[in-house]
């Protein structure tokens, strides 16, 4: 079994451009809310979690196959429930 190697945050982040500018009479809370939303829309956190650990190509393929099998089983279960 292969083990994942944890990467340093500076290796994982790369370059992203999520920035906001302060609007007149804007509170810090609303600025944080807008920043979080822009980070989420750009997919920075999702990318960070995805790249946090190295995943070998063989493991990627295995996980993709397992996800496909789960999706097929879920779909079959739904169609069988409709029959009854």
PDB file of N, CA and C in Angstrom:
ATOM      1  N   UNK A   1       0.842  -1.171   0.000  1.00  0.00           N
ATOM      2  CA  UNK A   1       0.000   0.000   0.000  1.00  0.00           C
ATOM      3  C   UNK A   1       0.891   1.239   0.000  1.00  0.00           C
ATOM      4  N   UNK A   2       0.567   2.194  -0.833  1.00  0.00           N
ATOM      5  CA  UNK A   2       1.386   3.404  -0.903  1.00  0.00           C
ATOM      6  C   UNK A   2       0.834   4.450   0.059  1.00  0.00           C
ATOM      7  N   UNK A   3       1.710   5.223   0.610  1.00  0.00           N
ATOM      8  CA  UNK A   3       1.316   6.262   1.541  1.00  0.00           C
ATOM      9  C   UNK A   3       1.461   7.623   0.885  1.00  0.00           C
ATOM     10  N   UNK A   4       0.566   8.517   1.214  1.00  0.00           N
ATOM     11  CA  UNK A   4       0.607   9.858   0.651  1.00  0.00           C
ATOM     12  C   UNK A   4       1.659  10.687   1.378  1.00  0.00           C
ATOM     13  N   UNK A   5       2.281  11.574   0.649  1.00  0.00           N
ATOM     14  CA  UNK A   5       3.296  12.459   1.208  1.00  0.00           C
ATOM     15  C   UNK A   5       2.700  13.847   1.327  1.00  0.00           C
ATOM     16  N   UNK A   6       2.726  14.405   2.531  1.00  0.00           N
ATOM     17  CA  UNK A   6       2.147  15.722   2.745  1.00  0.00           C
ATOM     18  C   UNK A   6       3.083  16.787   2.178  1.00  0.00           C
ATOM     19  N   UNK A   7       2.490  17.719   1.406  1.00  0.00           N
ATOM     20  CA  UNK A   7       3.275  18.781   0.798  1.00  0.00           C
ATOM     21  C   UNK A   7       3.233  20.036   1.651  1.00  0.00           C
ATOM     22  N   UNK A   8       4.181  20.930   1.420  1.00  0.00           N
ATOM     23  CA  UNK A   8       4.204  22.210   2.114  1.00  0.00           C
ATOM     24  C   UNK A   8       3.150  23.130   1.500  1.00  0.00           C
ATOM     25  N   UNK A   9       2.528  24.006   2.297  1.00  0.00           N
ATOM     26  CA  UNK A   9       1.493  24.897   1.750  1.00  0.00           C
ATOM     27  C   UNK A   9       1.976  25.749   0.588  1.00  0.00           C
ATOM     28  N   UNK A  10       3.231  26.211   0.625  1.00  0.00           N
ATOM     29  CA  UNK A  10       3.713  27.054  -0.466  1.00  0.00           C
ATOM     30  C   UNK A  10       3.873  26.270  -1.766  1.00  0.00           C
ATOM     31  N   UNK A  11       4.074  24.949  -1.672  1.00  0.00           N
ATOM     32  CA  UNK A  11       4.152  24.115  -2.862  1.00  0.00           C
ATOM     33  C   UNK A  11       2.769  23.853  -3.436  1.00  0.00           C
ATOM     34  N   UNK A  12       1.783  23.836  -2.569  1.00  0.00           N
ATOM     35  CA  UNK A  12       0.432  23.467  -2.964  1.00  0.00           C
ATOM     36  C   UNK A  12      -0.314  24.646  -3.582  1.00  0.00           C
ATOM     37  N   UNK A  13      -0.162  25.830  -3.004  1.00  0.00           N
ATOM     38  CA  UNK A  13      -0.990  26.955  -3.403  1.00  0.00           C
ATOM     39  C   UNK A  13      -0.799  27.396  -4.845  1.00  0.00           C
ATOM     40  N   UNK A  14       0.426  27.536  -5.300  1.00  0.00           N
ATOM     41  CA  UNK A  14       0.628  28.019  -6.657  1.00  0.00           C
ATOM     42  C   UNK A  14       0.230  29.482  -6.734  1.00  0.00           C
ATOM     43  N   UNK A  15      -0.385  29.880  -7.834  1.00  0.00           N
ATOM     44  CA  UNK A  15      -0.797  31.274  -7.982  1.00  0.00           C
ATOM     45  C   UNK A  15      -2.299  31.357  -8.164  1.00  0.00           C
ATOM     46  N   UNK A  16      -2.937  32.092  -7.299  1.00  0.00           N
ATOM     47  CA  UNK A  16      -4.358  32.370  -7.388  1.00  0.00           C
ATOM     48  C   UNK A  16      -4.542  33.859  -7.192  1.00  0.00           C
ATOM     49  N   UNK A  17      -5.594  34.393  -7.750  1.00  0.00           N
ATOM     50  CA  UNK A  17      -5.805  35.823  -7.675  1.00  0.00           C
ATOM     51  C   UNK A  17      -7.185  36.112  -7.081  1.00  0.00           C
ATOM     52  N   UNK A  18      -7.345  35.886  -5.810  1.00  0.00           N
ATOM     53  CA  UNK A  18      -8.595  36.203  -5.127  1.00  0.00           C
ATOM     54  C   UNK A  18      -8.348  37.447  -4.292  1.00  0.00           C
ATOM     55  N   UNK A  19      -8.842  38.570  -4.771  1.00  0.00           N
ATOM     56  CA  UNK A  19      -8.651  39.810  -4.026  1.00  0.00           C
ATOM     57  C   UNK A  19      -9.938  40.618  -4.058  1.00  0.00           C
ATOM     58  N   UNK A  20     -10.102  41.434  -3.059  1.00  0.00           N
ATOM     59  CA  UNK A  20     -11.267  42.312  -2.992  1.00  0.00           C
ATOM     60  C   UNK A  20     -10.783  43.702  -2.616  1.00  0.00           C
ATOM     61  N   UNK A  21     -11.580  44.706  -2.947  1.00  0.00           N
ATOM     62  CA  UNK A  21     -11.264  46.076  -2.557  1.00  0.00           C
ATOM     63  C   UNK A  21     -12.352  46.566  -1.615  1.00  0.00           C
ATOM     64  N   UNK A  22     -11.941  47.350  -0.652  1.00  0.00           N
ATOM     65  CA  UNK A  22     -12.875  47.856   0.344  1.00  0.00           C
ATOM     66  C   UNK A  22     -13.829  48.847  -0.295  1.00  0.00           C
ATOM     67  N   UNK A  23     -15.102  48.641  -0.046  1.00  0.00           N
ATOM     68  CA  UNK A  23     -16.132  49.563  -0.523  1.00  0.00           C
ATOM     69  C   UNK A  23     -16.355  50.623   0.545  1.00  0.00           C
ATOM     70  N   UNK A  24     -16.891  51.760   0.159  1.00  0.00           N
ATOM     71  CA  UNK A  24     -17.154  52.799   1.171  1.00  0.00           C
ATOM     72  C   UNK A  24     -18.144  52.299   2.235  1.00  0.00           C
ATOM     73  N   UNK A  25     -17.850  52.586   3.486  1.00  0.00           N
ATOM     74  CA  UNK A  25     -18.697  52.208   4.632  1.00  0.00           C
ATOM     75  C   UNK A  25     -18.927  50.701   4.728  1.00  0.00           C
ATOM     76  N   UNK A  26     -17.932  49.911   4.341  1.00  0.00           N
ATOM     77  CA  UNK A  26     -18.068  48.455   4.411  1.00  0.00           C
ATOM     78  C   UNK A  26     -17.385  47.937   5.672  1.00  0.00           C
ATOM     79  N   UNK A  27     -18.048  47.021   6.351  1.00  0.00           N
ATOM     80  CA  UNK A  27     -17.480  46.457   7.573  1.00  0.00           C
ATOM     81  C   UNK A  27     -16.493  45.349   7.236  1.00  0.00           C
ATOM     82  N   UNK A  28     -15.675  45.013   8.213  1.00  0.00           N
ATOM     83  CA  UNK A  28     -14.685  43.943   8.032  1.00  0.00           C
ATOM     84  C   UNK A  28     -15.399  42.610   7.807  1.00  0.00           C
ATOM     85  N   UNK A  29     -16.509  42.395   8.496  1.00  0.00           N
ATOM     86  CA  UNK A  29     -17.246  41.139   8.361  1.00  0.00           C
ATOM     87  C   UNK A  29     -17.763  40.949   6.933  1.00  0.00           C
ATOM     88  N   UNK A  30     -18.273  42.024   6.342  1.00  0.00           N
ATOM     89  CA  UNK A  30     -18.787  41.892   4.978  1.00  0.00           C
ATOM     90  C   UNK A  30     -17.638  41.708   3.980  1.00  0.00           C
ATOM     91  N   UNK A  31     -16.490  42.326   4.265  1.00  0.00           N
ATOM     92  CA  UNK A  31     -15.325  42.114   3.400  1.00  0.00           C
ATOM     93  C   UNK A  31     -14.866  40.663   3.476  1.00  0.00           C
ATOM     94  N   UNK A  32     -14.830  40.099   4.680  1.00  0.00           N
ATOM     95  CA  UNK A  32     -14.452  38.693   4.835  1.00  0.00           C
ATOM     96  C   UNK A  32     -15.436  37.781   4.111  1.00  0.00           C
ATOM     97  N   UNK A  33     -16.715  38.111   4.209  1.00  0.00           N
ATOM     98  CA  UNK A  33     -17.742  37.319   3.542  1.00  0.00           C
ATOM     99  C   UNK A  33     -17.520  37.331   2.024  1.00  0.00           C
ATOM    100  N   UNK A  34     -17.227  38.521   1.468  1.00  0.00           N
ATOM    101  CA  UNK A  34     -16.982  38.619   0.034  1.00  0.00           C
ATOM    102  C   UNK A  34     -15.707  37.873  -0.364  1.00  0.00           C
ATOM    103  N   UNK A  35     -14.662  37.963   0.479  1.00  0.00           N
ATOM    104  CA  UNK A  35     -13.410  37.257   0.189  1.00  0.00           C
ATOM    105  C   UNK A  35     -13.637  35.745   0.201  1.00  0.00           C
ATOM    106  N   UNK A  36     -14.354  35.248   1.200  1.00  0.00           N
ATOM    107  CA  UNK A  36     -14.645  33.813   1.269  1.00  0.00           C
ATOM    108  C   UNK A  36     -15.421  33.359   0.040  1.00  0.00           C
ATOM    109  N   UNK A  37     -16.366  34.165  -0.391  1.00  0.00           N
ATOM    110  CA  UNK A  37     -17.168  33.809  -1.556  1.00  0.00           C
ATOM    111  C   UNK A  37     -16.305  33.781  -2.814  1.00  0.00           C
ATOM    112  N   UNK A  38     -15.392  34.765  -2.958  1.00  0.00           N
ATOM    113  CA  UNK A  38     -14.540  34.777  -4.143  1.00  0.00           C
ATOM    114  C   UNK A  38     -13.565  33.594  -4.126  1.00  0.00           C
ATOM    115  N   UNK A  39     -13.072  33.236  -2.946  1.00  0.00           N
ATOM    116  CA  UNK A  39     -12.189  32.071  -2.818  1.00  0.00           C
ATOM    117  C   UNK A  39     -12.948  30.802  -3.200  1.00  0.00           C
ATOM    118  N   UNK A  40     -14.183  30.701  -2.762  1.00  0.00           N
ATOM    119  CA  UNK A  40     -14.988  29.526  -3.075  1.00  0.00           C
ATOM    120  C   UNK A  40     -15.309  29.469  -4.570  1.00  0.00           C
ATOM    121  N   UNK A  41     -15.631  30.621  -5.167  1.00  0.00           N
ATOM    122  CA  UNK A  41     -15.958  30.647  -6.592  1.00  0.00           C
ATOM    123  C   UNK A  41     -14.763  30.290  -7.456  1.00  0.00           C
ATOM    124  N   UNK A  42     -13.572  30.688  -7.044  1.00  0.00           N
ATOM    125  CA  UNK A  42     -12.373  30.349  -7.802  1.00  0.00           C
ATOM    126  C   UNK A  42     -11.927  28.914  -7.562  1.00  0.00           C
ATOM    127  N   UNK A  43     -12.443  28.276  -6.519  1.00  0.00           N
ATOM    128  CA  UNK A  43     -12.099  26.886  -6.240  1.00  0.00           C
ATOM    129  C   UNK A  43     -10.736  26.717  -5.598  1.00  0.00           C
ATOM    130  N   UNK A  44     -10.290  27.728  -4.887  1.00  0.00           N
ATOM    131  CA  UNK A  44      -8.953  27.682  -4.293  1.00  0.00           C
ATOM    132  C   UNK A  44      -8.872  26.625  -3.200  1.00  0.00           C
ATOM    133  N   UNK A  45      -9.838  26.616  -2.292  1.00  0.00           N
ATOM    134  CA  UNK A  45      -9.798  25.639  -1.199  1.00  0.00           C
ATOM    135  C   UNK A  45      -9.940  24.213  -1.707  1.00  0.00           C
ATOM    136  N   UNK A  46     -10.803  24.036  -2.699  1.00  0.00           N
ATOM    137  CA  UNK A  46     -10.980  22.703  -3.265  1.00  0.00           C
ATOM    138  C   UNK A  46      -9.673  22.229  -3.909  1.00  0.00           C
ATOM    139  N   UNK A  47      -9.020  23.120  -4.624  1.00  0.00           N
ATOM    140  CA  UNK A  47      -7.746  22.785  -5.249  1.00  0.00           C
ATOM    141  C   UNK A  47      -6.673  22.505  -4.201  1.00  0.00           C
ATOM    142  N   UNK A  48      -6.684  23.291  -3.129  1.00  0.00           N
ATOM    143  CA  UNK A  48      -5.709  23.102  -2.052  1.00  0.00           C
ATOM    144  C   UNK A  48      -5.884  21.739  -1.407  1.00  0.00           C
ATOM    145  N   UNK A  49      -7.115  21.347  -1.125  1.00  0.00           N
ATOM    146  CA  UNK A  49      -7.357  20.038  -0.525  1.00  0.00           C
ATOM    147  C   UNK A  49      -6.979  18.914  -1.479  1.00  0.00           C
ATOM    148  N   UNK A  50      -7.227  19.145  -2.768  1.00  0.00           N
ATOM    149  CA  UNK A  50      -6.909  18.129  -3.760  1.00  0.00           C
ATOM    150  C   UNK A  50      -5.405  17.924  -3.885  1.00  0.00           C
ATOM    151  N   UNK A  51      -4.640  19.006  -3.792  1.00  0.00           N
ATOM    152  CA  UNK A  51      -3.194  18.925  -3.982  1.00  0.00           C
ATOM    153  C   UNK A  51      -2.415  18.785  -2.679  1.00  0.00           C
ATOM    154  N   UNK A  52      -3.087  18.700  -1.560  1.00  0.00           N
ATOM    155  CA  UNK A  52      -2.384  18.640  -0.275  1.00  0.00           C
ATOM    156  C   UNK A  52      -1.496  17.405  -0.184  1.00  0.00           C
ATOM    157  N   UNK A  53      -1.974  16.293  -0.725  1.00  0.00           N
ATOM    158  CA  UNK A  53      -1.215  15.055  -0.700  1.00  0.00           C
ATOM    159  C   UNK A  53      -0.991  14.585  -2.131  1.00  0.00           C
ATOM    160  N   UNK A  54       0.157  13.982  -2.370  1.00  0.00           N
ATOM    161  CA  UNK A  54       0.423  13.401  -3.674  1.00  0.00           C
ATOM    162  C   UNK A  54      -0.350  12.103  -3.783  1.00  0.00           C
ATOM    163  N   UNK A  55      -1.057  11.951  -4.886  1.00  0.00           N
ATOM    164  CA  UNK A  55      -1.796  10.726  -5.143  1.00  0.00           C
ATOM    165  C   UNK A  55      -1.227  10.114  -6.413  1.00  0.00           C
ATOM    166  N   UNK A  56      -0.753   8.898  -6.284  1.00  0.00           N
ATOM    167  CA  UNK A  56      -0.142   8.207  -7.415  1.00  0.00           C
ATOM    168  C   UNK A  56      -1.184   7.996  -8.519  1.00  0.00           C
ATOM    169  N   UNK A  57      -0.756   7.985  -9.770  1.00  0.00           N
ATOM    170  CA  UNK A  57      -1.699   7.794 -10.875  1.00  0.00           C
ATOM    171  C   UNK A  57      -2.514   6.504 -10.754  1.00  0.00           C
ATOM    172  N   UNK A  58      -1.897   5.436 -10.269  1.00  0.00           N
ATOM    173  CA  UNK A  58      -2.633   4.184 -10.118  1.00  0.00           C
ATOM    174  C   UNK A  58      -3.733   4.320  -9.071  1.00  0.00           C
ATOM    175  N   UNK A  59      -3.447   5.061  -8.003  1.00  0.00           N
ATOM    176  CA  UNK A  59      -4.451   5.273  -6.963  1.00  0.00           C
ATOM    177  C   UNK A  59      -5.574   6.169  -7.472  1.00  0.00           C
ATOM    178  N   UNK A  60      -5.228   7.171  -8.288  1.00  0.00           N
ATOM    179  CA  UNK A  60      -6.250   8.037  -8.891  1.00  0.00           C
ATOM    180  C   UNK A  60      -7.208   7.210  -9.737  1.00  0.00           C
ATOM    181  N   UNK A  61      -6.637   6.306 -10.548  1.00  0.00           N
ATOM    182  CA  UNK A  61      -7.461   5.473 -11.419  1.00  0.00           C
ATOM    183  C   UNK A  61      -8.357   4.553 -10.590  1.00  0.00           C
ATOM    184  N   UNK A  62      -7.813   4.000  -9.518  1.00  0.00           N
ATOM    185  CA  UNK A  62      -8.593   3.108  -8.665  1.00  0.00           C
ATOM    186  C   UNK A  62      -9.751   3.866  -8.007  1.00  0.00           C
ATOM    187  N   UNK A  63      -9.476   5.076  -7.499  1.00  0.00           N
ATOM    188  CA  UNK A  63     -10.521   5.874  -6.866  1.00  0.00           C
ATOM    189  C   UNK A  63     -11.596   6.277  -7.872  1.00  0.00           C
ATOM    190  N   UNK A  64     -11.170   6.607  -9.093  1.00  0.00           N
ATOM    191  CA  UNK A  64     -12.122   6.974 -10.137  1.00  0.00           C
ATOM    192  C   UNK A  64     -13.021   5.787 -10.468  1.00  0.00           C
ATOM    193  N   UNK A  65     -12.429   4.596 -10.557  1.00  0.00           N
ATOM    194  CA  UNK A  65     -13.195   3.381 -10.845  1.00  0.00           C
ATOM    195  C   UNK A  65     -14.192   3.097  -9.720  1.00  0.00           C
ATOM    196  N   UNK A  66     -13.737   3.231  -8.479  1.00  0.00           N
ATOM    197  CA  UNK A  66     -14.637   2.987  -7.343  1.00  0.00           C
ATOM    198  C   UNK A  66     -15.791   3.972  -7.336  1.00  0.00           C
ATOM    199  N   UNK A  67     -15.538   5.231  -7.677  1.00  0.00           N
ATOM    200  CA  UNK A  67     -16.602   6.230  -7.735  1.00  0.00           C
ATOM    201  C   UNK A  67     -17.607   5.881  -8.829  1.00  0.00           C
ATOM    202  N   UNK A  68     -17.112   5.401  -9.964  1.00  0.00           N
ATOM    203  CA  UNK A  68     -17.997   5.014 -11.059  1.00  0.00           C
ATOM    204  C   UNK A  68     -18.874   3.830 -10.652  1.00  0.00           C
ATOM    205  N   UNK A  69     -18.288   2.866  -9.957  1.00  0.00           N
ATOM    206  CA  UNK A  69     -19.052   1.699  -9.505  1.00  0.00           C
ATOM    207  C   UNK A  69     -20.140   2.133  -8.527  1.00  0.00           C
ATOM    208  N   UNK A  70     -19.793   3.040  -7.598  1.00  0.00           N
ATOM    209  CA  UNK A  70     -20.797   3.542  -6.647  1.00  0.00           C
ATOM    210  C   UNK A  70     -21.931   4.250  -7.370  1.00  0.00           C
ATOM    211  N   UNK A  71     -21.602   5.047  -8.380  1.00  0.00           N
ATOM    212  CA  UNK A  71     -22.625   5.776  -9.129  1.00  0.00           C
ATOM    213  C   UNK A  71     -23.551   4.816  -9.864  1.00  0.00           C
ATOM    214  N   UNK A  72     -22.978   3.776 -10.451  1.00  0.00           N
ATOM    215  CA  UNK A  72     -23.791   2.785 -11.164  1.00  0.00           C
ATOM    216  C   UNK A  72     -24.710   2.062 -10.192  1.00  0.00           C
ATOM    217  N   UNK A  73     -24.183   1.671  -9.043  1.00  0.00           N
ATOM    218  CA  UNK A  73     -25.010   0.971  -8.044  1.00  0.00           C
ATOM    219  C   UNK A  73     -26.138   1.862  -7.539  1.00  0.00           C
ATOM    220  N   UNK A  74     -25.820   3.130  -7.310  1.00  0.00           N
ATOM    221  CA  UNK A  74     -26.831   4.078  -6.862  1.00  0.00           C
ATOM    222  C   UNK A  74     -27.937   4.216  -7.903  1.00  0.00           C
ATOM    223  N   UNK A  75     -27.540   4.299  -9.178  1.00  0.00           N
ATOM    224  CA  UNK A  75     -28.507   4.443 -10.257  1.00  0.00           C
ATOM    225  C   UNK A  75     -29.373   3.192 -10.378  1.00  0.00           C
ATOM    226  N   UNK A  76     -28.745   2.008 -10.256  1.00  0.00           N
ATOM    227  CA  UNK A  76     -29.498   0.760 -10.328  1.00  0.00           C
ATOM    228  C   UNK A  76     -30.486   0.656  -9.177  1.00  0.00           C
ATOM    229  N   UNK A  77     -30.077   1.098  -8.003  1.00  0.00           N
ATOM    230  CA  UNK A  77     -30.951   1.041  -6.835  1.00  0.00           C
ATOM    231  C   UNK A  77     -32.173   1.932  -7.037  1.00  0.00           C
ATOM    232  N   UNK A  78     -31.972   3.107  -7.612  1.00  0.00           N
ATOM    233  CA  UNK A  78     -33.090   4.017  -7.872  1.00  0.00           C
ATOM    234  C   UNK A  78     -34.065   3.432  -8.878  1.00  0.00           C
ATOM    235  N   UNK A  79     -33.535   2.817  -9.928  1.00  0.00           N
ATOM    236  CA  UNK A  79     -34.422   2.244 -10.949  1.00  0.00           C
ATOM    237  C   UNK A  79     -35.198   1.046 -10.390  1.00  0.00           C
ATOM    238  N   UNK A  80     -34.580   0.276  -9.509  1.00  0.00           N
ATOM    239  CA  UNK A  80     -35.288  -0.850  -8.907  1.00  0.00           C
ATOM    240  C   UNK A  80     -36.369  -0.380  -7.954  1.00  0.00           C
ATOM    241  N   UNK A  81     -36.111   0.729  -7.258  1.00  0.00           N
ATOM    242  CA  UNK A  81     -37.138   1.272  -6.352  1.00  0.00           C
ATOM    243  C   UNK A  81     -38.341   1.772  -7.126  1.00  0.00           C
ATOM    244  N   UNK A  82     -38.119   2.282  -8.325  1.00  0.00           N
ATOM    245  CA  UNK A  82     -39.218   2.766  -9.153  1.00  0.00           C
ATOM    246  C   UNK A  82     -40.103   1.620  -9.634  1.00  0.00           C
ATOM    247  N   UNK A  83     -39.515   0.433  -9.812  1.00  0.00           N
ATOM    248  CA  UNK A  83     -40.274  -0.705 -10.300  1.00  0.00           C
ATOM    249  C   UNK A  83     -41.275  -1.209  -9.260  1.00  0.00           C
ATOM    250  N   UNK A  84     -40.959  -1.048  -7.996  1.00  0.00           N
ATOM    251  CA  UNK A  84     -41.825  -1.591  -6.933  1.00  0.00           C
ATOM    252  C   UNK A  84     -42.817  -0.604  -6.443  1.00  0.00           C
TER     253      UNK A  84
END
